[in-house]
Amino acid sequence: MTDTPDYYAILRVRADAGQQEISRAYRALMRSHHPDVDGGTAPEGELLRIMQAFNILRDPERRAAYDKQRAASAPQAIPVRKVHTRGGTSGHTIRITPVRWESGPWS
């Protein structure tokens, strides 16, 4: 797992958000979290996280690199199935095997 924060969650936008939506979210968050406006009640570092997220997501090249890194570190689903024995299931034992889509009842 990586230590890279989720910049989309920080700016509160979807991953497929356009540049205009990202800019609007950034400006709204800056207005509500800026120390001159809120009197310094925002959590320490929150303003810096917002600025860092916008810095990455506003540049198409940096955003593409971030999205690629994010996709590479996402957990991947591994197909599993329960192992059945003659006496029923074998408790919590699972067997991980490759899925052969070419064969089965659907072929």
C-alpha atoms as a PDB file:
ATOM      1  CA  MET A   1       0.000   0.000   0.000  1.00  0.00           C
ATOM      2  CA  THR A   2       1.159   3.523  -0.653  1.00  0.00           C
ATOM      3  CA  ASP A   3       1.194   6.592   1.562  1.00  0.00           C
ATOM      4  CA  THR A   4      -0.299   8.798  -1.174  1.00  0.00           C
ATOM      5  CA  PRO A   5      -3.478  10.473   0.074  1.00  0.00           C
ATOM      6  CA  ASP A   6      -6.728  10.367  -1.880  1.00  0.00           C
ATOM      7  CA  TYR A   7      -6.726  13.801  -3.473  1.00  0.00           C
ATOM      8  CA  TYR A   8     -10.222  13.351  -4.870  1.00  0.00           C
ATOM      9  CA  ALA A   9     -11.588  12.734  -1.379  1.00  0.00           C
ATOM     10  CA  ILE A  10      -9.702  15.738  -0.010  1.00  0.00           C
ATOM     11  CA  LEU A  11     -11.319  18.009  -2.610  1.00  0.00           C
ATOM     12  CA  ARG A  12     -14.623  16.120  -2.276  1.00  0.00           C
ATOM     13  CA  VAL A  13     -14.985  15.422  -5.996  1.00  0.00           C
ATOM     14  CA  ARG A  14     -15.446  12.251  -8.040  1.00  0.00           C
ATOM     15  CA  ALA A  15     -12.460  10.721  -9.828  1.00  0.00           C
ATOM     16  CA  ASP A  16     -13.995  11.600 -13.197  1.00  0.00           C
ATOM     17  CA  ALA A  17     -14.506  15.280 -12.284  1.00  0.00           C
ATOM     18  CA  GLY A  18     -13.588  17.876 -14.866  1.00  0.00           C
ATOM     19  CA  GLN A  19     -11.120  20.716 -14.396  1.00  0.00           C
ATOM     20  CA  GLN A  20     -13.891  23.237 -13.762  1.00  0.00           C
ATOM     21  CA  GLU A  21     -15.443  21.081 -11.029  1.00  0.00           C
ATOM     22  CA  ILE A  22     -12.039  20.589  -9.377  1.00  0.00           C
ATOM     23  CA  SER A  23     -11.360  24.349  -9.449  1.00  0.00           C
ATOM     24  CA  ARG A  24     -14.763  25.133  -7.962  1.00  0.00           C
ATOM     25  CA  ALA A  25     -14.299  22.583  -5.182  1.00  0.00           C
ATOM     26  CA  TYR A  26     -10.833  23.977  -4.413  1.00  0.00           C
ATOM     27  CA  ARG A  27     -12.077  27.557  -4.198  1.00  0.00           C
ATOM     28  CA  ALA A  28     -15.012  26.555  -1.994  1.00  0.00           C
ATOM     29  CA  LEU A  29     -12.755  24.636   0.386  1.00  0.00           C
ATOM     30  CA  MET A  30     -10.226  27.467   0.505  1.00  0.00           C
ATOM     31  CA  ARG A  31     -13.004  29.918   1.373  1.00  0.00           C
ATOM     32  CA  SER A  32     -14.208  27.720   4.215  1.00  0.00           C
ATOM     33  CA  HIS A  33     -10.804  26.589   5.573  1.00  0.00           C
ATOM     34  CA  HIS A  34      -8.655  29.698   5.163  1.00  0.00           C
ATOM     35  CA  PRO A  35      -7.351  30.954   8.541  1.00  0.00           C
ATOM     36  CA  ASP A  36      -8.369  34.536   7.735  1.00  0.00           C
ATOM     37  CA  VAL A  37     -11.964  33.431   7.202  1.00  0.00           C
ATOM     38  CA  ASP A  38     -12.561  30.705   9.780  1.00  0.00           C
ATOM     39  CA  GLY A  39     -10.393  32.215  12.503  1.00  0.00           C
ATOM     40  CA  GLY A  40      -7.891  29.356  12.413  1.00  0.00           C
ATOM     41  CA  THR A  41     -10.334  26.666  13.582  1.00  0.00           C
ATOM     42  CA  ALA A  42      -9.553  24.266  10.701  1.00  0.00           C
ATOM     43  CA  PRO A  43      -7.431  21.231  11.632  1.00  0.00           C
ATOM     44  CA  GLU A  44      -3.719  21.828  11.276  1.00  0.00           C
ATOM     45  CA  GLY A  45      -2.455  20.780   7.873  1.00  0.00           C
ATOM     46  CA  GLU A  46      -5.903  20.658   6.277  1.00  0.00           C
ATOM     47  CA  LEU A  47      -5.229  23.777   4.227  1.00  0.00           C
ATOM     48  CA  LEU A  48      -1.928  22.306   3.007  1.00  0.00           C
ATOM     49  CA  ARG A  49      -3.624  19.027   2.007  1.00  0.00           C
ATOM     50  CA  ILE A  50      -6.225  20.956   0.009  1.00  0.00           C
ATOM     51  CA  MET A  51      -3.521  22.970  -1.757  1.00  0.00           C
ATOM     52  CA  GLN A  52      -1.472  19.845  -2.492  1.00  0.00           C
ATOM     53  CA  ALA A  53      -4.506  18.011  -3.891  1.00  0.00           C
ATOM     54  CA  PHE A  54      -5.355  20.920  -6.169  1.00  0.00           C
ATOM     55  CA  ASN A  55      -1.733  21.220  -7.291  1.00  0.00           C
ATOM     56  CA  ILE A  56      -1.771  17.594  -8.473  1.00  0.00           C
ATOM     57  CA  LEU A  57      -5.287  17.455  -9.925  1.00  0.00           C
ATOM     58  CA  ARG A  58      -5.205  20.757 -11.823  1.00  0.00           C
ATOM     59  CA  ASP A  59      -2.274  19.701 -14.036  1.00  0.00           C
ATOM     60  CA  PRO A  60      -3.310  17.053 -16.617  1.00  0.00           C
ATOM     61  CA  GLU A  61       0.128  15.377 -16.654  1.00  0.00           C
ATOM     62  CA  ARG A  62       0.430  15.170 -12.862  1.00  0.00           C
ATOM     63  CA  ARG A  63      -3.179  14.017 -12.598  1.00  0.00           C
ATOM     64  CA  ALA A  64      -2.606  11.246 -15.153  1.00  0.00           C
ATOM     65  CA  ALA A  65       0.489  10.065 -13.257  1.00  0.00           C
ATOM     66  CA  TYR A  66      -1.447  10.180  -9.972  1.00  0.00           C
ATOM     67  CA  ASP A  67      -4.362   8.222 -11.466  1.00  0.00           C
ATOM     68  CA  LYS A  68      -1.955   5.615 -12.840  1.00  0.00           C
ATOM     69  CA  GLN A  69      -0.251   5.231  -9.439  1.00  0.00           C
ATOM     70  CA  ARG A  70      -3.639   5.081  -7.719  1.00  0.00           C
ATOM     71  CA  ALA A  71      -4.874   2.353 -10.077  1.00  0.00           C
ATOM     72  CA  ALA A  72      -1.694   0.312  -9.564  1.00  0.00           C
ATOM     73  CA  SER A  73      -2.041   0.402  -5.787  1.00  0.00           C
ATOM     74  CA  ALA A  74      -5.758  -0.461  -5.747  1.00  0.00           C
ATOM     75  CA  PRO A  75      -6.563  -3.873  -4.270  1.00  0.00           C
ATOM     76  CA  GLN A  76      -7.375  -6.514  -6.849  1.00  0.00           C
ATOM     77  CA  ALA A  77     -10.187  -9.016  -6.432  1.00  0.00           C
ATOM     78  CA  ILE A  78      -9.054 -12.636  -6.398  1.00  0.00           C
ATOM     79  CA  PRO A  79     -11.728 -15.202  -7.232  1.00  0.00           C
ATOM     80  CA  VAL A  80     -12.142 -17.811  -4.489  1.00  0.00           C
ATOM     81  CA  ARG A  81     -14.399 -20.759  -3.877  1.00  0.00           C
ATOM     82  CA  LYS A  82     -15.217 -22.938  -0.894  1.00  0.00           C
ATOM     83  CA  VAL A  83     -13.722 -26.395  -0.809  1.00  0.00           C
ATOM     84  CA  HIS A  84     -16.355 -29.083  -0.408  1.00  0.00           C
ATOM     85  CA  THR A  85     -15.515 -32.466   1.058  1.00  0.00           C
ATOM     86  CA  ARG A  86     -17.635 -35.574   1.317  1.00  0.00           C
ATOM     87  CA  GLY A  87     -18.758 -34.542   4.774  1.00  0.00           C
ATOM     88  CA  GLY A  88     -19.827 -31.056   3.602  1.00  0.00           C
ATOM     89  CA  THR A  89     -17.734 -27.938   3.624  1.00  0.00           C
ATOM     90  CA  SER A  90     -14.332 -28.029   5.213  1.00  0.00           C
ATOM     91  CA  GLY A  91     -14.908 -25.177   7.632  1.00  0.00           C
ATOM     92  CA  HIS A  92     -13.313 -21.883   6.745  1.00  0.00           C
ATOM     93  CA  THR A  93     -10.858 -23.343   4.264  1.00  0.00           C
ATOM     94  CA  ILE A  94     -10.882 -21.734   0.854  1.00  0.00           C
ATOM     95  CA  ARG A  95      -8.946 -22.700  -2.210  1.00  0.00           C
ATOM     96  CA  ILE A  96      -7.662 -19.987  -4.511  1.00  0.00           C
ATOM     97  CA  THR A  97      -7.458 -21.186  -8.077  1.00  0.00           C
ATOM     98  CA  PRO A  98      -7.291 -19.417 -11.407  1.00  0.00           C
ATOM     99  CA  VAL A  99     -10.653 -18.977 -13.056  1.00  0.00           C
ATOM    100  CA  ARG A 100     -10.940 -20.722 -16.396  1.00  0.00           C
ATOM    101  CA  TRP A 101     -13.608 -18.769 -18.234  1.00  0.00           C
ATOM    102  CA  GLU A 102     -13.273 -20.990 -21.303  1.00  0.00           C
ATOM    103  CA  SER A 103     -14.666 -24.027 -19.501  1.00  0.00           C
ATOM    104  CA  GLY A 104     -17.667 -24.489 -17.284  1.00  0.00           C
ATOM    105  CA  PRO A 105     -21.416 -24.902 -17.471  1.00  0.00           C
ATOM    106  CA  TRP A 106     -21.749 -21.709 -19.539  1.00  0.00           C
ATOM    107  CA  SER A 107     -19.545 -22.959 -22.426  1.00  0.00           C
END
